Amino acid sequence: MSDSKQTGAEAVDAAIAQGLDLDGSPIPAKMLALYQGVMALEGDRQRSGVTNSMRSRIVRIGAKHIPQAELDQKLTEAGWAPLKEKEIAFYYGGKG
């Protein structure tokens, strides 16, 4: 994988598919098997809709990069519900 871009979800997905970490080292078989098993379960889960999935991803990933008040504002401006108390507690540790 050393000749390809090593950022973003696509790089991680490609590395997993090859069974290699981004540094080229092999991912242990037990780790791959557990990951693949959990992803298969997720793939079989009933979905509540694309926009709900989009919002969930935005919250989960956005909380790593965007301050709470800013993410809350961005969600509202885009037409989604603001952050829920349980999301704030989980992703921001209850800190506002």
Protein backbone atom coordinates (compact mmCIF):
# COMPACT_ATOMS: atom_id res chain seq x y z
CA MET A 1 0.00 0.00 0.00
CA SER A 2 3.01 2.30 0.13
CA ASP A 3 2.36 3.70 -3.36
CA SER A 4 -1.25 4.72 -2.69
CA LYS A 5 -2.83 7.49 -0.65
CA GLN A 6 -2.95 6.46 3.01
CA THR A 7 -5.68 8.71 4.32
CA GLY A 8 -9.43 8.48 4.63
CA ALA A 9 -11.84 5.62 4.93
CA GLU A 10 -11.02 4.30 1.46
CA ALA A 11 -7.40 3.70 2.42
CA VAL A 12 -8.46 1.82 5.54
CA ASP A 13 -11.01 -0.26 3.61
CA ALA A 14 -8.43 -1.11 0.95
CA ALA A 15 -5.88 -2.12 3.58
CA ILE A 16 -8.40 -4.33 5.38
CA ALA A 17 -9.37 -6.00 2.09
CA GLN A 18 -5.70 -6.79 1.50
CA GLY A 19 -5.20 -7.93 5.10
CA LEU A 20 -2.47 -5.35 5.57
CA ASP A 21 -2.10 -2.38 7.87
CA LEU A 22 -1.26 1.00 6.31
CA ASP A 23 2.42 0.40 7.06
CA GLY A 24 2.30 -2.86 5.06
CA SER A 25 2.43 -5.20 8.05
CA PRO A 26 -0.06 -8.08 8.07
CA ILE A 27 -3.22 -7.74 10.14
CA PRO A 28 -3.52 -10.77 12.45
CA ALA A 29 -6.04 -13.32 11.16
CA LYS A 30 -8.06 -13.30 14.40
CA MET A 31 -8.47 -9.53 14.18
CA LEU A 32 -9.57 -9.75 10.55
CA ALA A 33 -12.03 -12.53 11.33
CA LEU A 34 -13.62 -10.58 14.20
CA TYR A 35 -13.84 -7.43 12.09
CA GLN A 36 -15.39 -9.29 9.16
CA GLY A 37 -17.89 -11.03 11.44
CA VAL A 38 -19.03 -7.78 13.05
CA MET A 39 -19.25 -6.03 9.65
CA ALA A 40 -21.39 -8.90 8.36
CA LEU A 41 -23.76 -8.41 11.29
CA GLU A 42 -23.92 -4.69 10.54
CA GLY A 43 -24.56 -5.39 6.88
CA ASP A 44 -27.60 -7.46 7.81
CA ARG A 45 -29.07 -4.81 10.15
CA GLN A 46 -32.34 -3.20 9.09
CA ARG A 47 -31.84 0.46 8.18
CA SER A 48 -34.10 3.34 9.12
CA GLY A 49 -33.29 5.42 6.05
CA VAL A 50 -30.41 7.03 4.26
CA THR A 51 -30.76 10.46 5.85
CA ASN A 52 -30.79 8.88 9.33
CA SER A 53 -27.62 6.96 8.47
CA MET A 54 -26.03 10.12 7.08
CA ARG A 55 -26.80 12.05 10.27
CA SER A 56 -25.41 9.24 12.43
CA ARG A 57 -22.17 9.23 10.47
CA ILE A 58 -21.91 13.02 10.61
CA VAL A 59 -22.35 12.99 14.38
CA ARG A 60 -19.98 10.07 14.97
CA ILE A 61 -17.20 11.43 12.77
CA GLY A 62 -17.93 15.14 13.13
CA ALA A 63 -17.60 14.97 16.91
CA LYS A 64 -13.94 14.01 16.44
CA HIS A 65 -13.23 17.14 14.42
CA ILE A 66 -15.86 19.80 15.14
CA PRO A 67 -16.67 21.50 18.46
CA GLN A 68 -20.08 20.60 19.89
CA ALA A 69 -21.77 23.98 19.37
CA GLU A 70 -20.51 24.21 15.79
CA LEU A 71 -21.63 20.68 14.90
CA ASP A 72 -25.00 21.32 16.49
CA GLN A 73 -25.40 24.49 14.41
CA LYS A 74 -24.30 22.75 11.21
CA LEU A 75 -26.80 19.92 11.77
CA THR A 76 -29.64 22.36 12.36
CA GLU A 77 -28.72 24.53 9.37
CA ALA A 78 -28.67 21.44 7.15
CA GLY A 79 -32.18 20.47 8.28
CA TRP A 80 -31.34 17.71 10.74
CA ALA A 81 -32.25 17.51 14.40
CA PRO A 82 -29.70 19.11 16.73
CA LEU A 83 -27.44 16.93 18.84
CA LYS A 84 -29.32 14.81 21.35
CA GLU A 85 -28.34 14.78 25.02
CA LYS A 86 -27.16 11.16 24.76
CA GLU A 87 -24.97 12.06 21.74
CA ILE A 88 -23.47 15.01 23.60
CA ALA A 89 -22.76 12.82 26.64
CA PHE A 90 -21.23 10.06 24.56
CA TYR A 91 -19.20 12.03 22.03
CA TYR A 92 -18.40 15.13 24.05
CA GLY A 93 -18.33 13.66 27.55
CA GLY A 94 -21.32 15.72 28.63
CA LYS A 95 -19.29 18.92 28.17
CA GLY A 96 -20.97 21.77 26.32
